[in-house]
Each structure stands twice: as structure tokens, then as C-alpha cells.
Amino acid sequence: MWVRGGMVTSVLVLGVLILVTPILLGRPTSELSSLPMLIVGWSGNQSYLIVYATGALQQYQYKLIRLAFNESISSVNGTFRENDTYGFHRWVPANASFTVDAYFEDQIGRYFEYNVTVHQKRDADNHVFLEFTFPYEKDRPNPVSVYPPKDFRWSIPPRGTLP
């Protein structure tokens, strides 16, 4: 039993070393360094949601990050973009239902994109939670429910290479 545990531990340690060593030497790993993440979290008083687009594994300067919102509250609808940025965020009223299209371009010509729909709901005990669905995605993961103060964190997959 100890031998198997040691083997599993050593495989995990070697995997971590493979990912960490280039970073320690000052060289980012080309494939993983630009992997982006979308985070949706509650503000301190839960009256707003913070939608944050950033790197998943480390800080990475993206050529472009674009967040396009389609909401039940028209004042927040629109497309917001930043060039040459490590990440940026938008505040959304917590009572709004919305779809966000997160789009990233990295420095080596790849693009990443994902669509997430967010609804605020109440459970049987009247606790507020957020439900995340993925209506425009081919893989259509199951809905994800998040109760405050936890955040929703989703890695954005690569979709292709820019011409």
C-alpha cells in the first residue's frame, strides 16, 4: 500500500515539476501560459457580481480580451474590450440575468472563447445562489450552482489560430 502511495505521489510531484520548472527559469510554457479563465464572484454586500477575465495559471499579457454582455438590464449590455492587458473586470448588478461571451487572443496567435449564462436564483430554503449554464457550447456541461461567497471559475478552451 505504501509503495502505491509513493508511486502516485512521485508521479504528481514530477508533473508539477514539469509545469513549474520553466516558470522558475524565467521561461513561460508556451501552451499553458496563455490559458485564460473567467471568474464571476459576488461583491462584499452581494449587490453586484464581478466578472473578471484573466490568466488561469499565471499572469499573461493578452493581445486582446473582450467581454460581450447581453443582459436583462439594458444599462449593462454591450461589448467591452482591452488590448495588451493582463486581465480586466466589469461590475454587473446581482439581480441581472445575463450571457457573457468571453474572448481572448494570446501573443502567439491563438484565440479562446466561451459563452456562459448567469441567473440568480433561490433554493428551497430561500438562499440566494447563482446558476451558470452553457447554452451555446457544443459540449453543454451541466449547470453549475454557486452559493456566496464562493466564485465561479471556468477555464476558457482554445478555439483556433488567427489567420
N, C-alpha and C. Protein backbone atom coordinates (compact mmCIF):
# COMPACT_ATOMS: atom_id res chain seq x y z
N MET A 1 0.81 -1.18 0.00
CA MET A 1 0.00 0.00 0.00
C MET A 1 0.86 1.26 0.00
N TRP A 2 1.93 1.25 0.82
CA TRP A 2 2.83 2.41 0.87
C TRP A 2 3.55 2.59 -0.46
N VAL A 3 3.84 1.49 -1.13
CA VAL A 3 4.56 1.57 -2.41
C VAL A 3 3.67 2.26 -3.45
N ARG A 4 2.41 1.87 -3.51
CA ARG A 4 1.48 2.51 -4.45
C ARG A 4 1.30 3.99 -4.14
N GLY A 5 1.15 4.31 -2.87
CA GLY A 5 1.03 5.72 -2.48
C GLY A 5 2.26 6.52 -2.87
N GLY A 6 3.44 5.92 -2.68
CA GLY A 6 4.69 6.59 -3.06
C GLY A 6 4.78 6.79 -4.56
N MET A 7 4.32 5.80 -5.33
CA MET A 7 4.35 5.92 -6.79
C MET A 7 3.41 7.02 -7.26
N VAL A 8 2.22 7.07 -6.72
CA VAL A 8 1.27 8.12 -7.10
C VAL A 8 1.81 9.49 -6.73
N THR A 9 2.37 9.62 -5.54
CA THR A 9 2.93 10.89 -5.10
C THR A 9 4.08 11.32 -6.00
N SER A 10 4.96 10.40 -6.35
CA SER A 10 6.10 10.77 -7.19
C SER A 10 5.65 11.19 -8.59
N VAL A 11 4.61 10.56 -9.14
CA VAL A 11 4.09 10.97 -10.44
C VAL A 11 3.52 12.38 -10.36
N LEU A 12 2.77 12.67 -9.31
CA LEU A 12 2.21 14.02 -9.13
C LEU A 12 3.31 15.06 -8.97
N VAL A 13 4.34 14.74 -8.19
CA VAL A 13 5.45 15.67 -7.99
C VAL A 13 6.17 15.93 -9.31
N LEU A 14 6.41 14.88 -10.08
CA LEU A 14 7.07 15.07 -11.38
C LEU A 14 6.22 15.91 -12.32
N GLY A 15 4.90 15.70 -12.31
CA GLY A 15 4.02 16.52 -13.14
C GLY A 15 4.08 17.99 -12.77
N VAL A 16 4.09 18.27 -11.48
CA VAL A 16 4.20 19.66 -11.01
C VAL A 16 5.54 20.25 -11.41
N LEU A 17 6.59 19.50 -11.29
CA LEU A 17 7.91 19.99 -11.67
C LEU A 17 7.99 20.31 -13.16
N ILE A 18 7.34 19.50 -13.98
CA ILE A 18 7.34 19.77 -15.42
C ILE A 18 6.67 21.11 -15.71
N LEU A 19 5.60 21.42 -14.99
CA LEU A 19 4.90 22.69 -15.21
C LEU A 19 5.61 23.87 -14.57
N VAL A 20 6.25 23.67 -13.43
CA VAL A 20 6.83 24.78 -12.67
C VAL A 20 8.24 25.13 -13.11
N THR A 21 9.03 24.15 -13.55
CA THR A 21 10.43 24.41 -13.88
C THR A 21 10.63 25.51 -14.91
N PRO A 22 9.91 25.54 -16.04
CA PRO A 22 10.11 26.66 -16.98
C PRO A 22 9.82 28.02 -16.37
N ILE A 23 8.82 28.07 -15.50
CA ILE A 23 8.48 29.35 -14.86
C ILE A 23 9.62 29.78 -13.93
N LEU A 24 10.18 28.83 -13.19
CA LEU A 24 11.29 29.15 -12.29
C LEU A 24 12.52 29.60 -13.06
N LEU A 25 12.69 29.10 -14.26
CA LEU A 25 13.83 29.50 -15.09
C LEU A 25 13.55 30.78 -15.86
N GLY A 26 12.34 31.32 -15.73
CA GLY A 26 12.01 32.57 -16.40
C GLY A 26 11.43 32.39 -17.78
N ARG A 27 11.12 31.17 -18.16
CA ARG A 27 10.55 30.92 -19.46
C ARG A 27 9.14 30.39 -19.29
N PRO A 28 8.14 31.10 -19.77
CA PRO A 28 6.78 30.58 -19.66
C PRO A 28 6.58 29.39 -20.60
N THR A 29 5.76 28.45 -20.18
CA THR A 29 5.42 27.35 -21.06
C THR A 29 4.50 27.87 -22.14
N SER A 30 4.80 27.59 -23.39
CA SER A 30 4.08 28.21 -24.49
C SER A 30 2.61 27.81 -24.54
N GLU A 31 2.30 26.55 -24.32
CA GLU A 31 0.92 26.10 -24.44
C GLU A 31 0.06 26.47 -23.24
N LEU A 32 0.61 26.40 -22.05
CA LEU A 32 -0.20 26.60 -20.86
C LEU A 32 -0.18 28.02 -20.33
N SER A 33 0.82 28.80 -20.68
CA SER A 33 0.95 30.12 -20.06
C SER A 33 -0.20 31.05 -20.42
N SER A 34 -0.79 30.88 -21.60
CA SER A 34 -1.84 31.79 -22.01
C SER A 34 -3.24 31.26 -21.78
N LEU A 35 -3.38 30.12 -21.11
CA LEU A 35 -4.71 29.57 -20.84
C LEU A 35 -5.51 30.55 -20.00
N PRO A 36 -6.65 31.06 -20.51
CA PRO A 36 -7.43 32.06 -19.78
C PRO A 36 -8.50 31.46 -18.88
N MET A 37 -9.02 32.32 -18.00
CA MET A 37 -10.06 31.91 -17.07
C MET A 37 -11.08 33.04 -16.93
N LEU A 38 -12.34 32.65 -16.78
CA LEU A 38 -13.41 33.58 -16.49
C LEU A 38 -13.85 33.34 -15.05
N ILE A 39 -13.90 34.42 -14.26
CA ILE A 39 -14.31 34.33 -12.86
C ILE A 39 -15.52 35.24 -12.67
N VAL A 40 -16.56 34.71 -12.03
CA VAL A 40 -17.72 35.52 -11.65
C VAL A 40 -17.89 35.36 -10.15
N GLY A 41 -17.80 36.47 -9.44
CA GLY A 41 -17.90 36.43 -7.99
C GLY A 41 -18.79 37.53 -7.46
N TRP A 42 -19.16 37.39 -6.20
CA TRP A 42 -20.03 38.35 -5.53
C TRP A 42 -19.22 39.53 -4.99
N SER A 43 -19.81 40.71 -4.98
CA SER A 43 -19.21 41.83 -4.27
C SER A 43 -19.42 41.58 -2.77
N GLY A 44 -18.79 42.38 -1.93
CA GLY A 44 -18.87 42.18 -0.48
C GLY A 44 -20.28 42.18 0.07
N ASN A 45 -21.13 43.06 -0.44
CA ASN A 45 -22.50 43.12 0.07
C ASN A 45 -23.49 42.35 -0.82
N GLN A 46 -22.99 41.64 -1.79
CA GLN A 46 -23.76 40.78 -2.70
C GLN A 46 -24.76 41.54 -3.56
N SER A 47 -24.55 42.83 -3.75
CA SER A 47 -25.44 43.59 -4.62
C SER A 47 -24.94 43.62 -6.07
N TYR A 48 -23.68 43.27 -6.27
CA TYR A 48 -23.10 43.23 -7.61
C TYR A 48 -22.35 41.93 -7.80
N LEU A 49 -22.18 41.58 -9.07
CA LEU A 49 -21.31 40.48 -9.46
C LEU A 49 -20.11 41.09 -10.17
N ILE A 50 -18.96 40.52 -9.93
CA ILE A 50 -17.73 40.98 -10.58
C ILE A 50 -17.36 39.91 -11.60
N VAL A 51 -17.33 40.30 -12.87
CA VAL A 51 -16.96 39.40 -13.95
C VAL A 51 -15.52 39.74 -14.31
N TYR A 52 -14.61 38.79 -14.12
CA TYR A 52 -13.17 39.02 -14.25
C TYR A 52 -12.59 38.05 -15.27
N ALA A 53 -11.88 38.58 -16.25
CA ALA A 53 -11.21 37.78 -17.27
C ALA A 53 -9.71 37.90 -17.06
N THR A 54 -9.02 36.76 -16.93
CA THR A 54 -7.59 36.78 -16.61
C THR A 54 -6.95 35.45 -17.01
N GLY A 55 -5.66 35.32 -16.74
CA GLY A 55 -4.95 34.07 -16.98
C GLY A 55 -5.30 33.04 -15.92
N ALA A 56 -5.33 31.76 -16.31
CA ALA A 56 -5.72 30.70 -15.37
C ALA A 56 -4.55 30.24 -14.52
N LEU A 57 -3.37 30.14 -15.08
CA LEU A 57 -2.23 29.57 -14.36
C LEU A 57 -1.24 30.60 -13.87
N GLN A 58 -1.13 31.70 -14.59
CA GLN A 58 -0.18 32.75 -14.22
C GLN A 58 -0.61 34.04 -14.91
N GLN A 59 0.00 35.13 -14.53
CA GLN A 59 -0.29 36.39 -15.20
C GLN A 59 0.27 36.31 -16.62
N TYR A 60 -0.56 36.68 -17.59
CA TYR A 60 -0.18 36.62 -19.00
C TYR A 60 -0.76 37.85 -19.68
N GLN A 61 0.06 38.47 -20.51
CA GLN A 61 -0.42 39.66 -21.21
C GLN A 61 -1.09 39.22 -22.51
N TYR A 62 -2.40 39.39 -22.56
CA TYR A 62 -3.17 39.04 -23.76
C TYR A 62 -3.15 40.19 -24.74
N LYS A 63 -3.15 39.84 -25.99
CA LYS A 63 -3.23 40.84 -27.05
C LYS A 63 -4.59 41.53 -27.01
N LEU A 64 -5.65 40.76 -26.70
CA LEU A 64 -7.00 41.30 -26.62
C LEU A 64 -7.82 40.44 -25.66
N ILE A 65 -8.61 41.12 -24.81
CA ILE A 65 -9.66 40.46 -24.04
C ILE A 65 -10.94 41.23 -24.32
N ARG A 66 -12.00 40.49 -24.68
CA ARG A 66 -13.28 41.12 -24.96
C ARG A 66 -14.37 40.37 -24.18
N LEU A 67 -15.19 41.13 -23.48
CA LEU A 67 -16.35 40.58 -22.79
C LEU A 67 -17.59 41.23 -23.40
N ALA A 68 -18.46 40.42 -23.98
CA ALA A 68 -19.70 40.92 -24.58
C ALA A 68 -20.87 40.46 -23.70
N PHE A 69 -21.64 41.42 -23.22
CA PHE A 69 -22.76 41.13 -22.31
C PHE A 69 -24.09 41.33 -23.02
N ASN A 70 -25.00 40.41 -22.80
CA ASN A 70 -26.39 40.55 -23.21
C ASN A 70 -27.20 40.27 -21.96
N GLU A 71 -27.86 41.32 -21.44
CA GLU A 71 -28.47 41.21 -20.11
C GLU A 71 -29.94 41.57 -20.09
N SER A 72 -30.56 41.20 -18.99
CA SER A 72 -31.95 41.58 -18.76
C SER A 72 -32.05 43.06 -18.38
N ILE A 73 -30.95 43.66 -17.96
CA ILE A 73 -30.90 45.09 -17.63
C ILE A 73 -30.08 45.78 -18.72
N SER A 74 -30.73 46.59 -19.52
CA SER A 74 -30.10 47.14 -20.73
C SER A 74 -28.91 48.05 -20.46
N SER A 75 -28.80 48.61 -19.27
CA SER A 75 -27.72 49.55 -18.99
C SER A 75 -26.34 48.88 -18.99
N VAL A 76 -26.30 47.57 -18.88
CA VAL A 76 -25.02 46.88 -18.83
C VAL A 76 -24.73 46.14 -20.13
N ASN A 77 -25.69 46.10 -21.05
CA ASN A 77 -25.47 45.45 -22.33
C ASN A 77 -24.34 46.13 -23.07
N GLY A 78 -23.59 45.36 -23.81
CA GLY A 78 -22.54 45.94 -24.63
C GLY A 78 -21.31 45.07 -24.66
N THR A 79 -20.35 45.53 -25.45
CA THR A 79 -19.08 44.83 -25.61
C THR A 79 -17.99 45.71 -25.04
N PHE A 80 -17.16 45.12 -24.20
CA PHE A 80 -16.07 45.84 -23.54
C PHE A 80 -14.78 45.11 -23.88
N ARG A 81 -13.75 45.87 -24.25
CA ARG A 81 -12.51 45.24 -24.67
C ARG A 81 -11.31 46.02 -24.17
N GLU A 82 -10.23 45.29 -23.98
CA GLU A 82 -8.96 45.91 -23.64
C GLU A 82 -7.87 45.21 -24.43
N ASN A 83 -6.94 46.00 -24.93
CA ASN A 83 -5.79 45.47 -25.66
C ASN A 83 -4.57 45.46 -24.75
N ASP A 84 -3.68 44.51 -25.00
CA ASP A 84 -2.41 44.40 -24.26
C ASP A 84 -2.65 44.52 -22.76
N THR A 85 -3.38 43.57 -22.23
CA THR A 85 -3.75 43.60 -20.82
C THR A 85 -3.58 42.23 -20.17
N TYR A 86 -3.39 42.24 -18.88
CA TYR A 86 -3.27 41.00 -18.10
C TYR A 86 -4.64 40.51 -17.63
N GLY A 87 -5.64 41.36 -17.72
CA GLY A 87 -6.99 40.99 -17.31
C GLY A 87 -7.79 42.24 -17.04
N PHE A 88 -9.09 42.11 -17.05
CA PHE A 88 -9.93 43.23 -16.65
C PHE A 88 -11.28 42.72 -16.17
N HIS A 89 -12.04 43.61 -15.54
CA HIS A 89 -13.30 43.20 -14.94
C HIS A 89 -14.41 44.19 -15.23
N ARG A 90 -15.63 43.71 -15.05
CA ARG A 90 -16.83 44.53 -15.16
C ARG A 90 -17.73 44.22 -13.97
N TRP A 91 -18.45 45.22 -13.49
CA TRP A 91 -19.41 45.05 -12.41
C TRP A 91 -20.79 44.93 -13.04
N VAL A 92 -21.57 43.97 -12.55
CA VAL A 92 -22.90 43.72 -13.08
C VAL A 92 -23.87 43.65 -11.89
N PRO A 93 -25.03 44.30 -11.96
CA PRO A 93 -25.99 44.18 -10.86
C PRO A 93 -26.32 42.71 -10.60
N ALA A 94 -26.34 42.31 -9.35
CA ALA A 94 -26.53 40.90 -8.99
C ALA A 94 -27.91 40.38 -9.38
N ASN A 95 -28.89 41.26 -9.53
CA ASN A 95 -30.22 40.79 -9.90
C ASN A 95 -30.41 40.64 -11.40
N ALA A 96 -29.38 40.88 -12.19
CA ALA A 96 -29.47 40.77 -13.64
C ALA A 96 -29.18 39.34 -14.08
N SER A 97 -29.97 38.86 -15.02
CA SER A 97 -29.64 37.62 -15.72
C SER A 97 -28.90 38.03 -16.98
N PHE A 98 -27.80 37.37 -17.28
CA PHE A 98 -27.02 37.79 -18.43
C PHE A 98 -26.24 36.64 -19.04
N THR A 99 -25.87 36.86 -20.30
CA THR A 99 -24.96 35.96 -21.01
C THR A 99 -23.70 36.76 -21.30
N VAL A 100 -22.57 36.16 -21.03
CA VAL A 100 -21.30 36.82 -21.34
C VAL A 100 -20.52 35.92 -22.30
N ASP A 101 -20.04 36.56 -23.37
CA ASP A 101 -19.15 35.90 -24.32
C ASP A 101 -17.75 36.38 -23.99
N ALA A 102 -16.91 35.48 -23.51
CA ALA A 102 -15.53 35.83 -23.15
C ALA A 102 -14.62 35.42 -24.30
N TYR A 103 -13.84 36.37 -24.81
CA TYR A 103 -12.96 36.13 -25.96
C TYR A 103 -11.57 36.64 -25.63
N PHE A 104 -10.56 35.83 -25.86
CA PHE A 104 -9.17 36.18 -25.59
C PHE A 104 -8.32 35.89 -26.82
N GLU A 105 -7.33 36.75 -27.10
CA GLU A 105 -6.29 36.48 -28.10
C GLU A 105 -4.96 36.52 -27.38
N ASP A 106 -4.15 35.47 -27.56
CA ASP A 106 -2.85 35.47 -26.91
C ASP A 106 -1.78 36.05 -27.85
N GLN A 107 -0.55 36.12 -27.39
CA GLN A 107 0.53 36.75 -28.14
C GLN A 107 1.06 35.88 -29.28
N ILE A 108 0.69 34.60 -29.30
CA ILE A 108 1.21 33.72 -30.36
C ILE A 108 0.15 33.38 -31.40
N GLY A 109 -0.97 34.12 -31.40
CA GLY A 109 -1.96 33.98 -32.45
C GLY A 109 -3.08 32.98 -32.22
N ARG A 110 -3.25 32.53 -31.00
CA ARG A 110 -4.38 31.64 -30.71
C ARG A 110 -5.52 32.46 -30.11
N TYR A 111 -6.74 31.97 -30.30
CA TYR A 111 -7.88 32.62 -29.64
C TYR A 111 -8.67 31.60 -28.83
N PHE A 112 -9.31 32.12 -27.78
CA PHE A 112 -10.06 31.34 -26.81
C PHE A 112 -11.42 32.01 -26.67
N GLU A 113 -12.48 31.22 -26.58
CA GLU A 113 -13.81 31.83 -26.48
C GLU A 113 -14.75 30.87 -25.77
N TYR A 114 -15.68 31.46 -24.98
CA TYR A 114 -16.67 30.65 -24.28
C TYR A 114 -17.86 31.53 -23.92
N ASN A 115 -19.04 30.94 -23.91
CA ASN A 115 -20.27 31.65 -23.55
C ASN A 115 -20.85 31.05 -22.27
N VAL A 116 -21.22 31.92 -21.35
CA VAL A 116 -21.79 31.50 -20.08
C VAL A 116 -23.02 32.36 -19.80
N THR A 117 -24.11 31.72 -19.37
CA THR A 117 -25.31 32.44 -18.97
C THR A 117 -25.45 32.34 -17.46
N VAL A 118 -25.77 33.48 -16.83
CA VAL A 118 -25.82 33.56 -15.37
C VAL A 118 -27.23 33.98 -14.94
N HIS A 119 -27.78 33.25 -13.98
CA HIS A 119 -29.09 33.58 -13.39
C HIS A 119 -28.96 33.55 -11.88
N GLN A 120 -29.53 34.55 -11.21
CA GLN A 120 -29.62 34.50 -9.75
C GLN A 120 -30.91 33.78 -9.39
N LYS A 121 -30.82 32.81 -8.47
CA LYS A 121 -31.99 32.03 -8.08
C LYS A 121 -32.03 31.87 -6.57
N ARG A 122 -33.12 31.30 -6.09
CA ARG A 122 -33.26 30.97 -4.67
C ARG A 122 -33.60 29.49 -4.55
N ASP A 123 -33.00 28.85 -3.55
CA ASP A 123 -33.27 27.43 -3.33
C ASP A 123 -34.50 27.25 -2.42
N ALA A 124 -34.79 26.02 -2.06
CA ALA A 124 -35.96 25.72 -1.23
C ALA A 124 -35.91 26.38 0.15
N ASP A 125 -34.68 26.66 0.65
CA ASP A 125 -34.51 27.32 1.94
C ASP A 125 -34.40 28.84 1.81
N ASN A 126 -34.69 29.36 0.61
CA ASN A 126 -34.65 30.79 0.31
C ASN A 126 -33.24 31.38 0.32
N HIS A 127 -32.22 30.55 0.12
CA HIS A 127 -30.84 31.04 -0.01
C HIS A 127 -30.59 31.42 -1.46
N VAL A 128 -29.93 32.56 -1.64
CA VAL A 128 -29.61 33.03 -2.98
C VAL A 128 -28.38 32.28 -3.50
N PHE A 129 -28.43 31.92 -4.79
CA PHE A 129 -27.27 31.31 -5.44
C PHE A 129 -27.27 31.71 -6.90
N LEU A 130 -26.16 31.49 -7.56
CA LEU A 130 -26.04 31.75 -9.00
C LEU A 130 -26.03 30.42 -9.74
N GLU A 131 -26.76 30.39 -10.83
CA GLU A 131 -26.75 29.20 -11.69
C GLU A 131 -26.12 29.58 -13.02
N PHE A 132 -25.13 28.80 -13.42
CA PHE A 132 -24.40 29.03 -14.66
C PHE A 132 -24.75 27.93 -15.65
N THR A 133 -25.17 28.34 -16.84
CA THR A 133 -25.48 27.38 -17.90
C THR A 133 -24.65 27.75 -19.13
N PHE A 134 -24.60 26.83 -20.07
CA PHE A 134 -23.71 26.97 -21.23
C PHE A 134 -24.50 26.66 -22.50
N PRO A 135 -25.48 27.50 -22.84
CA PRO A 135 -26.41 27.16 -23.93
C PRO A 135 -25.79 27.15 -25.33
N TYR A 136 -24.70 27.86 -25.53
CA TYR A 136 -24.13 27.96 -26.88
C TYR A 136 -22.94 27.04 -27.09
N GLU A 137 -22.62 26.23 -26.11
CA GLU A 137 -21.45 25.36 -26.21
C GLU A 137 -21.83 23.97 -26.69
N LYS A 138 -20.99 23.39 -27.54
CA LYS A 138 -21.25 22.06 -28.09
C LYS A 138 -21.23 20.99 -27.00
N ASP A 139 -20.29 21.12 -26.06
CA ASP A 139 -20.17 20.09 -25.02
C ASP A 139 -21.26 20.21 -23.96
N ARG A 140 -21.90 21.38 -23.86
CA ARG A 140 -23.01 21.62 -22.95
C ARG A 140 -22.85 20.98 -21.57
N PRO A 141 -21.90 21.46 -20.79
CA PRO A 141 -21.76 20.91 -19.44
C PRO A 141 -23.05 21.12 -18.64
N ASN A 142 -23.21 20.35 -17.59
CA ASN A 142 -24.36 20.51 -16.71
C ASN A 142 -24.32 21.87 -16.04
N PRO A 143 -25.49 22.41 -15.67
CA PRO A 143 -25.50 23.70 -14.95
C PRO A 143 -24.66 23.61 -13.67
N VAL A 144 -24.03 24.74 -13.35
CA VAL A 144 -23.19 24.83 -12.15
C VAL A 144 -23.86 25.83 -11.21
N SER A 145 -24.06 25.43 -9.95
CA SER A 145 -24.63 26.33 -8.94
C SER A 145 -23.54 26.77 -7.97
N VAL A 146 -23.53 28.07 -7.66
CA VAL A 146 -22.51 28.63 -6.76
C VAL A 146 -23.23 29.48 -5.71
N TYR A 147 -22.97 29.17 -4.45
CA TYR A 147 -23.53 29.93 -3.33
C TYR A 147 -22.48 30.91 -2.82
N PRO A 148 -22.92 32.12 -2.42
CA PRO A 148 -21.94 33.08 -1.89
C PRO A 148 -21.32 32.55 -0.61
N PRO A 149 -20.09 32.85 -0.34
CA PRO A 149 -19.20 33.80 -1.02
C PRO A 149 -18.32 33.15 -2.09
N LYS A 150 -18.60 31.92 -2.50
CA LYS A 150 -17.75 31.25 -3.49
C LYS A 150 -17.88 31.89 -4.86
N ASP A 151 -16.82 31.72 -5.65
CA ASP A 151 -16.76 32.25 -7.01
C ASP A 151 -16.95 31.13 -8.02
N PHE A 152 -17.41 31.51 -9.20
CA PHE A 152 -17.45 30.61 -10.34
C PHE A 152 -16.15 30.82 -11.11
N ARG A 153 -15.43 29.75 -11.38
CA ARG A 153 -14.17 29.83 -12.11
C ARG A 153 -14.21 28.81 -13.24
N TRP A 154 -13.97 29.29 -14.47
CA TRP A 154 -14.09 28.42 -15.63
C TRP A 154 -12.94 28.69 -16.60
N SER A 155 -12.19 27.65 -16.93
CA SER A 155 -11.11 27.77 -17.91
C SER A 155 -11.72 27.89 -19.30
N ILE A 156 -11.16 28.76 -20.09
CA ILE A 156 -11.67 29.01 -21.44
C ILE A 156 -10.83 28.19 -22.42
N PRO A 157 -11.45 27.32 -23.21
CA PRO A 157 -10.69 26.46 -24.10
C PRO A 157 -10.22 27.20 -25.36
N PRO A 158 -9.10 26.73 -25.94
CA PRO A 158 -8.67 27.30 -27.21
C PRO A 158 -9.66 26.91 -28.32
N ARG A 159 -9.91 27.83 -29.21
CA ARG A 159 -10.84 27.57 -30.32
C ARG A 159 -10.14 27.49 -31.68
N GLY A 160 -8.94 28.04 -31.74
CA GLY A 160 -8.24 28.00 -33.02
C GLY A 160 -7.10 28.98 -33.08
N THR A 161 -6.56 29.13 -34.30
CA THR A 161 -5.45 30.05 -34.54
C THR A 161 -5.92 31.16 -35.46
N LEU A 162 -5.48 32.36 -35.19
CA LEU A 162 -5.85 33.51 -36.03
C LEU A 162 -5.08 33.45 -37.35
N PRO A 163 -5.73 33.94 -38.43
CA PRO A 163 -5.04 33.91 -39.73
C PRO A 163 -3.87 34.87 -39.79
